[in-house]
Amino acid sequence: MPPNPSHHPIILFDGVCNLCNGWVQFVIKRDPSALFRFASLQSDTAGILLRKHNYEDPPLQSVILLMNGNLYTESTAILHIVCRLRGPIQLMMCFRFVPAFIRNPLYRFIARNRYKWFGKQASCMLPTPETKIRFLD
């Protein structure tokens, strides 16, 4: 049984996407307190968690954040994540003043082209022994 999302925010990501895997590694490096947990959208764990939120068949084009009983997608998920990280990435928080209907088209454009620009892997990434405890798959 997957852990309760209220204990740790959970980031669901496309496990074969190089950009998404890079984002996960970026978050891990800037999250020294190990707040976030991770699961690929292709995993059974993600399916179980999303069904609990009545979110069936999620698009692989969106990072999804489960936090405090809420589900966030696209640019809103990213903003909720970066505000909990350390470093200059927090400057992105200025975009919270930009409405999602303006932010999300840019997010979707990048998401649609991510395989073309960054490539993809044949299978989901395997976490390192040091980070394995943070992955729910």
C-alpha atoms as a PDB file:
ATOM      1  CA  MET A   1       0.000   0.000   0.000  1.00  0.00           C
ATOM      2  CA  PRO A   2       1.445   3.405  -0.928  1.00  0.00           C
ATOM      3  CA  PRO A   3       2.121   5.906   1.822  1.00  0.00           C
ATOM      4  CA  ASN A   4      -0.406   8.552   2.712  1.00  0.00           C
ATOM      5  CA  PRO A   5       0.328  11.686   0.627  1.00  0.00           C
ATOM      6  CA  SER A   6      -0.305  13.888   3.670  1.00  0.00           C
ATOM      7  CA  HIS A   7       2.973  12.730   5.252  1.00  0.00           C
ATOM      8  CA  HIS A   8       5.182  13.834   2.375  1.00  0.00           C
ATOM      9  CA  PRO A   9       4.330  15.691  -0.813  1.00  0.00           C
ATOM     10  CA  ILE A  10       4.521  13.238  -3.705  1.00  0.00           C
ATOM     11  CA  ILE A  11       5.703  14.218  -7.171  1.00  0.00           C
ATOM     12  CA  LEU A  12       4.365  12.045  -9.985  1.00  0.00           C
ATOM     13  CA  PHE A  13       6.351  12.311 -13.212  1.00  0.00           C
ATOM     14  CA  ASP A  14       6.775  10.675 -16.611  1.00  0.00           C
ATOM     15  CA  GLY A  15       9.368   8.030 -15.776  1.00  0.00           C
ATOM     16  CA  VAL A  16      10.752   7.661 -19.312  1.00  0.00           C
ATOM     17  CA  CYS A  17      11.089  11.388 -20.065  1.00  0.00           C
ATOM     18  CA  ASN A  18      14.653  12.720 -19.839  1.00  0.00           C
ATOM     19  CA  LEU A  19      13.417  16.218 -18.963  1.00  0.00           C
ATOM     20  CA  CYS A  20      11.187  14.838 -16.206  1.00  0.00           C
ATOM     21  CA  ASN A  21      13.978  12.665 -14.813  1.00  0.00           C
ATOM     22  CA  GLY A  22      16.265  15.694 -14.866  1.00  0.00           C
ATOM     23  CA  TRP A  23      13.616  17.658 -12.955  1.00  0.00           C
ATOM     24  CA  VAL A  24      13.427  14.923 -10.305  1.00  0.00           C
ATOM     25  CA  GLN A  25      17.225  14.974  -9.889  1.00  0.00           C
ATOM     26  CA  PHE A  26      17.096  18.783  -9.693  1.00  0.00           C
ATOM     27  CA  VAL A  27      14.479  18.607  -6.914  1.00  0.00           C
ATOM     28  CA  ILE A  28      16.422  15.963  -4.975  1.00  0.00           C
ATOM     29  CA  LYS A  29      19.568  18.138  -4.970  1.00  0.00           C
ATOM     30  CA  ARG A  30      17.650  21.151  -3.651  1.00  0.00           C
ATOM     31  CA  ASP A  31      15.562  19.269  -1.074  1.00  0.00           C
ATOM     32  CA  PRO A  32      18.112  18.469   1.660  1.00  0.00           C
ATOM     33  CA  SER A  33      15.409  17.648   4.212  1.00  0.00           C
ATOM     34  CA  ALA A  34      14.061  14.936   1.857  1.00  0.00           C
ATOM     35  CA  LEU A  35      10.545  16.354   2.007  1.00  0.00           C
ATOM     36  CA  PHE A  36       9.424  15.108  -1.411  1.00  0.00           C
ATOM     37  CA  ARG A  37       8.692  11.550  -2.485  1.00  0.00           C
ATOM     38  CA  PHE A  38       8.502  10.424  -6.108  1.00  0.00           C
ATOM     39  CA  ALA A  39       6.666   7.932  -8.306  1.00  0.00           C
ATOM     40  CA  SER A  40       6.530   7.562 -12.050  1.00  0.00           C
ATOM     41  CA  LEU A  41       3.132   8.100 -13.661  1.00  0.00           C
ATOM     42  CA  GLN A  42       3.546   4.681 -15.295  1.00  0.00           C
ATOM     43  CA  SER A  43       3.656   2.929 -11.899  1.00  0.00           C
ATOM     44  CA  ASP A  44       0.897   1.075 -10.088  1.00  0.00           C
ATOM     45  CA  THR A  45       1.555   3.308  -7.087  1.00  0.00           C
ATOM     46  CA  ALA A  46       0.724   6.432  -9.098  1.00  0.00           C
ATOM     47  CA  GLY A  47      -2.456   4.778 -10.376  1.00  0.00           C
ATOM     48  CA  ILE A  48      -3.585   3.979  -6.835  1.00  0.00           C
ATOM     49  CA  LEU A  49      -2.821   7.474  -5.562  1.00  0.00           C
ATOM     50  CA  LEU A  50      -4.561   9.154  -8.488  1.00  0.00           C
ATOM     51  CA  ARG A  51      -7.668   6.997  -8.179  1.00  0.00           C
ATOM     52  CA  LYS A  52      -7.912   8.117  -4.545  1.00  0.00           C
ATOM     53  CA  HIS A  53      -8.173  11.654  -5.947  1.00  0.00           C
ATOM     54  CA  ASN A  54     -10.666  10.619  -8.641  1.00  0.00           C
ATOM     55  CA  TYR A  55      -8.075  11.459 -11.298  1.00  0.00           C
ATOM     56  CA  GLU A  56      -8.202   8.651 -13.835  1.00  0.00           C
ATOM     57  CA  ASP A  57      -5.873   8.296 -16.834  1.00  0.00           C
ATOM     58  CA  PRO A  58      -3.578  11.241 -16.111  1.00  0.00           C
ATOM     59  CA  PRO A  59      -1.801  12.721 -19.082  1.00  0.00           C
ATOM     60  CA  LEU A  60       1.904  11.931 -19.107  1.00  0.00           C
ATOM     61  CA  GLN A  61       2.461  15.540 -20.160  1.00  0.00           C
ATOM     62  CA  SER A  62       1.995  16.871 -16.633  1.00  0.00           C
ATOM     63  CA  VAL A  63       3.985  16.737 -13.463  1.00  0.00           C
ATOM     64  CA  ILE A  64       1.472  16.032 -10.713  1.00  0.00           C
ATOM     65  CA  LEU A  65       1.934  17.009  -7.084  1.00  0.00           C
ATOM     66  CA  LEU A  66      -0.073  15.396  -4.291  1.00  0.00           C
ATOM     67  CA  MET A  67       0.205  17.511  -1.168  1.00  0.00           C
ATOM     68  CA  ASN A  68      -1.958  18.046   1.908  1.00  0.00           C
ATOM     69  CA  GLY A  69      -4.826  16.132   0.315  1.00  0.00           C
ATOM     70  CA  ASN A  70      -4.742  18.261  -2.842  1.00  0.00           C
ATOM     71  CA  LEU A  71      -3.733  17.432  -6.399  1.00  0.00           C
ATOM     72  CA  TYR A  72      -1.850  20.035  -8.449  1.00  0.00           C
ATOM     73  CA  THR A  73      -0.891  19.792 -12.117  1.00  0.00           C
ATOM     74  CA  GLU A  74       1.165  21.613 -14.718  1.00  0.00           C
ATOM     75  CA  SER A  75       2.677  24.981 -13.783  1.00  0.00           C
ATOM     76  CA  THR A  76       0.777  25.115 -10.492  1.00  0.00           C
ATOM     77  CA  ALA A  77       2.462  21.875  -9.397  1.00  0.00           C
ATOM     78  CA  ILE A  78       5.865  23.275 -10.366  1.00  0.00           C
ATOM     79  CA  LEU A  79       5.291  26.467  -8.370  1.00  0.00           C
ATOM     80  CA  HIS A  80       4.216  24.520  -5.272  1.00  0.00           C
ATOM     81  CA  ILE A  81       7.380  22.419  -5.583  1.00  0.00           C
ATOM     82  CA  VAL A  82       9.867  25.267  -6.113  1.00  0.00           C
ATOM     83  CA  CYS A  83       8.595  27.221  -3.121  1.00  0.00           C
ATOM     84  CA  ARG A  84       9.793  24.327  -0.930  1.00  0.00           C
ATOM     85  CA  LEU A  85      13.254  24.059  -2.480  1.00  0.00           C
ATOM     86  CA  ARG A  86      16.457  25.864  -1.576  1.00  0.00           C
ATOM     87  CA  GLY A  87      18.344  28.200  -3.835  1.00  0.00           C
ATOM     88  CA  PRO A  88      17.676  30.693  -6.615  1.00  0.00           C
ATOM     89  CA  ILE A  89      14.948  28.473  -8.093  1.00  0.00           C
ATOM     90  CA  GLN A  90      12.624  30.181  -5.619  1.00  0.00           C
ATOM     91  CA  LEU A  91      12.766  33.245  -7.875  1.00  0.00           C
ATOM     92  CA  MET A  92      10.264  31.370 -10.040  1.00  0.00           C
ATOM     93  CA  MET A  93       7.689  32.111  -7.357  1.00  0.00           C
ATOM     94  CA  CYS A  94       7.118  35.495  -8.991  1.00  0.00           C
ATOM     95  CA  PHE A  95       5.107  33.530 -11.607  1.00  0.00           C
ATOM     96  CA  ARG A  96       2.437  32.743  -8.996  1.00  0.00           C
ATOM     97  CA  PHE A  97       1.039  36.184  -9.796  1.00  0.00           C
ATOM     98  CA  VAL A  98       0.541  35.139 -13.418  1.00  0.00           C
ATOM     99  CA  PRO A  99      -2.792  33.330 -13.833  1.00  0.00           C
ATOM    100  CA  ALA A 100      -2.621  29.627 -14.669  1.00  0.00           C
ATOM    101  CA  PHE A 101      -4.513  30.190 -17.941  1.00  0.00           C
ATOM    102  CA  ILE A 102      -1.487  32.197 -19.070  1.00  0.00           C
ATOM    103  CA  ARG A 103       1.249  29.989 -17.495  1.00  0.00           C
ATOM    104  CA  ASN A 104      -0.115  26.610 -18.576  1.00  0.00           C
ATOM    105  CA  PRO A 105       0.013  27.082 -22.378  1.00  0.00           C
ATOM    106  CA  LEU A 106       3.796  27.552 -22.095  1.00  0.00           C
ATOM    107  CA  TYR A 107       3.984  24.505 -19.815  1.00  0.00           C
ATOM    108  CA  ARG A 108       1.964  22.455 -22.345  1.00  0.00           C
ATOM    109  CA  PHE A 109       4.137  23.618 -25.253  1.00  0.00           C
ATOM    110  CA  ILE A 110       7.271  22.389 -23.489  1.00  0.00           C
ATOM    111  CA  ALA A 111       5.510  19.166 -22.432  1.00  0.00           C
ATOM    112  CA  ARG A 112       4.389  18.411 -26.005  1.00  0.00           C
ATOM    113  CA  ASN A 113       7.943  18.800 -27.300  1.00  0.00           C
ATOM    114  CA  ARG A 114       9.914  17.290 -24.418  1.00  0.00           C
ATOM    115  CA  TYR A 115      10.684  13.963 -26.124  1.00  0.00           C
ATOM    116  CA  LYS A 116      11.796  15.726 -29.311  1.00  0.00           C
ATOM    117  CA  TRP A 117      14.013  18.185 -27.442  1.00  0.00           C
ATOM    118  CA  PHE A 118      15.296  16.052 -24.549  1.00  0.00           C
ATOM    119  CA  GLY A 119      14.662  12.458 -25.644  1.00  0.00           C
ATOM    120  CA  LYS A 120      13.276   9.568 -23.676  1.00  0.00           C
ATOM    121  CA  GLN A 121      14.478   6.356 -22.121  1.00  0.00           C
ATOM    122  CA  ALA A 122      13.357   2.824 -22.963  1.00  0.00           C
ATOM    123  CA  SER A 123      12.265   2.293 -19.347  1.00  0.00           C
ATOM    124  CA  CYS A 124      11.717   4.261 -16.158  1.00  0.00           C
ATOM    125  CA  MET A 125      14.782   5.503 -14.314  1.00  0.00           C
ATOM    126  CA  LEU A 126      16.209   3.524 -11.440  1.00  0.00           C
ATOM    127  CA  PRO A 127      17.001   5.582  -8.350  1.00  0.00           C
ATOM    128  CA  THR A 128      20.448   5.468  -6.838  1.00  0.00           C
ATOM    129  CA  PRO A 129      20.860   3.529  -3.585  1.00  0.00           C
ATOM    130  CA  GLU A 130      21.032   6.864  -1.714  1.00  0.00           C
ATOM    131  CA  THR A 131      17.713   8.119  -3.108  1.00  0.00           C
ATOM    132  CA  LYS A 132      15.827   4.822  -3.392  1.00  0.00           C
ATOM    133  CA  ILE A 133      13.951   5.392  -0.110  1.00  0.00           C
ATOM    134  CA  ARG A 134      12.328   8.509  -1.642  1.00  0.00           C
ATOM    135  CA  PHE A 135      10.784   6.578  -4.566  1.00  0.00           C
ATOM    136  CA  LEU A 136       7.448   4.849  -4.070  1.00  0.00           C
ATOM    137  CA  ASP A 137       7.502   2.480  -7.050  1.00  0.00           C
END
